Amino acid sequence: MSSTISRKPANDYLTAGQLCELDDLVTMMVIDSYLGFQTHKMNINFRPVRRYASKWKKIIEKFEQNKDYENCFNDLTANEWYENYINAKNQHQIESFKSHIFK
């Protein structure tokens, strides 16, 4: 094996549970709000936040026009639910959430 192969630092990786959580949340915010119904989630106990769905849908529709990722992320997360969510997360988890939305 070549010594020139680079590897990500261990703290850049997500556990399966963390990936499932991020995927379920982002799918709720982006896909479900846009489609208007709840899609399959990895966590069988997932509880969606529905009160922002119409707002999130408008934000995604705006994004389709302007393709401004940062503005879209800021708009999607400008609510009490996100503030409560990040209070229990460290910086790496917050950055992982943002990165997952961009995907």
C-alpha atoms as a PDB file:
ATOM      1  CA  MET A   1       0.000   0.000   0.000  1.00  0.00           C
ATOM      2  CA  SER A   2       1.327   3.413  -0.918  1.00  0.00           C
ATOM      3  CA  SER A   3       2.290   5.827   1.815  1.00  0.00           C
ATOM      4  CA  THR A   4       0.834   8.684  -0.256  1.00  0.00           C
ATOM      5  CA  ILE A   5      -2.748   7.605   0.345  1.00  0.00           C
ATOM      6  CA  SER A   6      -4.412  10.195   2.503  1.00  0.00           C
ATOM      7  CA  ARG A   7      -6.987   9.368   5.076  1.00  0.00           C
ATOM      8  CA  LYS A   8      -9.546  11.509   6.743  1.00  0.00           C
ATOM      9  CA  PRO A   9      -8.960  12.191  10.410  1.00  0.00           C
ATOM     10  CA  ALA A  10     -10.974   9.814  12.565  1.00  0.00           C
ATOM     11  CA  ASN A  11     -13.151  12.640  13.869  1.00  0.00           C
ATOM     12  CA  ASP A  12     -14.451  13.335  10.325  1.00  0.00           C
ATOM     13  CA  TYR A  13     -16.231   9.976  10.253  1.00  0.00           C
ATOM     14  CA  LEU A  14     -19.772   9.459  11.448  1.00  0.00           C
ATOM     15  CA  THR A  15     -21.102   6.431  13.231  1.00  0.00           C
ATOM     16  CA  ALA A  16     -24.018   4.602  11.629  1.00  0.00           C
ATOM     17  CA  GLY A  17     -26.323   6.084  14.262  1.00  0.00           C
ATOM     18  CA  GLN A  18     -25.107   9.624  13.623  1.00  0.00           C
ATOM     19  CA  LEU A  19     -25.521   9.186   9.877  1.00  0.00           C
ATOM     20  CA  CYS A  20     -29.057   7.852  10.333  1.00  0.00           C
ATOM     21  CA  GLU A  21     -29.961  10.798  12.560  1.00  0.00           C
ATOM     22  CA  LEU A  22     -28.577  13.335  10.104  1.00  0.00           C
ATOM     23  CA  ASP A  23     -30.192  11.640   7.140  1.00  0.00           C
ATOM     24  CA  ASP A  24     -33.595  11.470   8.823  1.00  0.00           C
ATOM     25  CA  LEU A  25     -33.462  15.141   9.851  1.00  0.00           C
ATOM     26  CA  VAL A  26     -32.276  16.429   6.489  1.00  0.00           C
ATOM     27  CA  THR A  27     -34.787  14.266   4.634  1.00  0.00           C
ATOM     28  CA  MET A  28     -37.535  15.670   6.859  1.00  0.00           C
ATOM     29  CA  MET A  29     -36.472  19.256   6.220  1.00  0.00           C
ATOM     30  CA  VAL A  30     -35.762  19.049   2.496  1.00  0.00           C
ATOM     31  CA  ILE A  31     -37.444  16.066   0.840  1.00  0.00           C
ATOM     32  CA  ASP A  32     -40.534  15.571   2.998  1.00  0.00           C
ATOM     33  CA  SER A  33     -41.406  19.256   3.121  1.00  0.00           C
ATOM     34  CA  TYR A  34     -40.978  19.563  -0.640  1.00  0.00           C
ATOM     35  CA  LEU A  35     -43.006  16.435  -1.463  1.00  0.00           C
ATOM     36  CA  GLY A  36     -45.651  17.097   1.181  1.00  0.00           C
ATOM     37  CA  PHE A  37     -45.508  13.691   2.853  1.00  0.00           C
ATOM     38  CA  GLN A  38     -43.228  11.760   5.188  1.00  0.00           C
ATOM     39  CA  THR A  39     -40.779   9.447   3.476  1.00  0.00           C
ATOM     40  CA  HIS A  40     -39.130   6.376   5.018  1.00  0.00           C
ATOM     41  CA  LYS A  41     -36.800   7.057   7.944  1.00  0.00           C
ATOM     42  CA  MET A  42     -33.998   4.906   9.291  1.00  0.00           C
ATOM     43  CA  ASN A  43     -35.023   5.456  12.911  1.00  0.00           C
ATOM     44  CA  ILE A  44     -38.363   3.705  13.440  1.00  0.00           C
ATOM     45  CA  ASN A  45     -39.064   6.055  16.368  1.00  0.00           C
ATOM     46  CA  PHE A  46     -38.412   9.223  14.329  1.00  0.00           C
ATOM     47  CA  ARG A  47     -40.810  12.047  15.188  1.00  0.00           C
ATOM     48  CA  PRO A  48     -41.056  14.650  12.435  1.00  0.00           C
ATOM     49  CA  VAL A  49     -41.304  18.375  13.037  1.00  0.00           C
ATOM     50  CA  ARG A  50     -44.255  19.377  10.870  1.00  0.00           C
ATOM     51  CA  ARG A  51     -44.825  22.962  11.889  1.00  0.00           C
ATOM     52  CA  TYR A  52     -42.041  24.281   9.633  1.00  0.00           C
ATOM     53  CA  ALA A  53     -42.839  22.111   6.586  1.00  0.00           C
ATOM     54  CA  SER A  54     -44.521  24.839   4.530  1.00  0.00           C
ATOM     55  CA  LYS A  55     -41.743  27.314   5.364  1.00  0.00           C
ATOM     56  CA  TRP A  56     -39.085  24.758   4.455  1.00  0.00           C
ATOM     57  CA  LYS A  57     -40.849  24.014   1.162  1.00  0.00           C
ATOM     58  CA  LYS A  58     -40.777  27.692   0.189  1.00  0.00           C
ATOM     59  CA  ILE A  59     -37.085  27.867   1.075  1.00  0.00           C
ATOM     60  CA  ILE A  60     -36.317  24.849  -1.139  1.00  0.00           C
ATOM     61  CA  GLU A  61     -38.316  26.360  -3.994  1.00  0.00           C
ATOM     62  CA  LYS A  62     -36.339  29.592  -3.608  1.00  0.00           C
ATOM     63  CA  PHE A  63     -33.113  27.568  -3.629  1.00  0.00           C
ATOM     64  CA  GLU A  64     -34.118  25.978  -6.921  1.00  0.00           C
ATOM     65  CA  GLN A  65     -34.092  29.463  -8.424  1.00  0.00           C
ATOM     66  CA  ASN A  66     -30.956  30.994  -6.895  1.00  0.00           C
ATOM     67  CA  LYS A  67     -28.784  27.954  -5.931  1.00  0.00           C
ATOM     68  CA  ASP A  68     -27.444  29.851  -2.906  1.00  0.00           C
ATOM     69  CA  TYR A  69     -26.457  27.083  -0.490  1.00  0.00           C
ATOM     70  CA  GLU A  70     -25.467  29.303   2.428  1.00  0.00           C
ATOM     71  CA  ASN A  71     -28.630  31.387   2.260  1.00  0.00           C
ATOM     72  CA  CYS A  72     -30.742  28.256   1.982  1.00  0.00           C
ATOM     73  CA  PHE A  73     -29.057  26.685   5.012  1.00  0.00           C
ATOM     74  CA  ASN A  74     -29.475  29.881   7.038  1.00  0.00           C
ATOM     75  CA  ASP A  75     -33.154  30.077   6.100  1.00  0.00           C
ATOM     76  CA  LEU A  76     -33.799  26.386   6.840  1.00  0.00           C
ATOM     77  CA  THR A  77     -32.229  26.680  10.267  1.00  0.00           C
ATOM     78  CA  ALA A  78     -33.706  30.031  11.321  1.00  0.00           C
ATOM     79  CA  ASN A  79     -36.199  28.560  13.766  1.00  0.00           C
ATOM     80  CA  GLU A  80     -36.617  27.467  17.352  1.00  0.00           C
ATOM     81  CA  TRP A  81     -36.419  23.761  16.510  1.00  0.00           C
ATOM     82  CA  TYR A  82     -32.902  24.085  15.066  1.00  0.00           C
ATOM     83  CA  GLU A  83     -31.738  26.249  17.960  1.00  0.00           C
ATOM     84  CA  ASN A  84     -32.880  23.551  20.379  1.00  0.00           C
ATOM     85  CA  TYR A  85     -31.304  20.835  18.242  1.00  0.00           C
ATOM     86  CA  ILE A  86     -27.834  22.418  18.147  1.00  0.00           C
ATOM     87  CA  ASN A  87     -27.802  23.194  21.865  1.00  0.00           C
ATOM     88  CA  ALA A  88     -27.143  19.515  22.516  1.00  0.00           C
ATOM     89  CA  LYS A  89     -24.504  19.142  19.760  1.00  0.00           C
ATOM     90  CA  ASN A  90     -20.787  19.800  19.560  1.00  0.00           C
ATOM     91  CA  GLN A  91     -19.138  21.782  16.754  1.00  0.00           C
ATOM     92  CA  HIS A  92     -18.282  18.698  14.713  1.00  0.00           C
ATOM     93  CA  GLN A  93     -21.898  17.502  14.859  1.00  0.00           C
ATOM     94  CA  ILE A  94     -23.171  20.922  13.798  1.00  0.00           C
ATOM     95  CA  GLU A  95     -20.755  21.012  10.866  1.00  0.00           C
ATOM     96  CA  SER A  96     -21.766  17.466   9.897  1.00  0.00           C
ATOM     97  CA  PHE A  97     -25.424  18.528   9.869  1.00  0.00           C
ATOM     98  CA  LYS A  98     -24.662  21.478   7.598  1.00  0.00           C
ATOM     99  CA  SER A  99     -22.548  19.343   5.309  1.00  0.00           C
ATOM    100  CA  HIS A 100     -25.319  16.744   5.070  1.00  0.00           C
ATOM    101  CA  ILE A 101     -27.860  19.389   4.055  1.00  0.00           C
ATOM    102  CA  PHE A 102     -25.552  20.508   1.257  1.00  0.00           C
ATOM    103  CA  LYS A 103     -25.416  16.963  -0.097  1.00  0.00           C
END
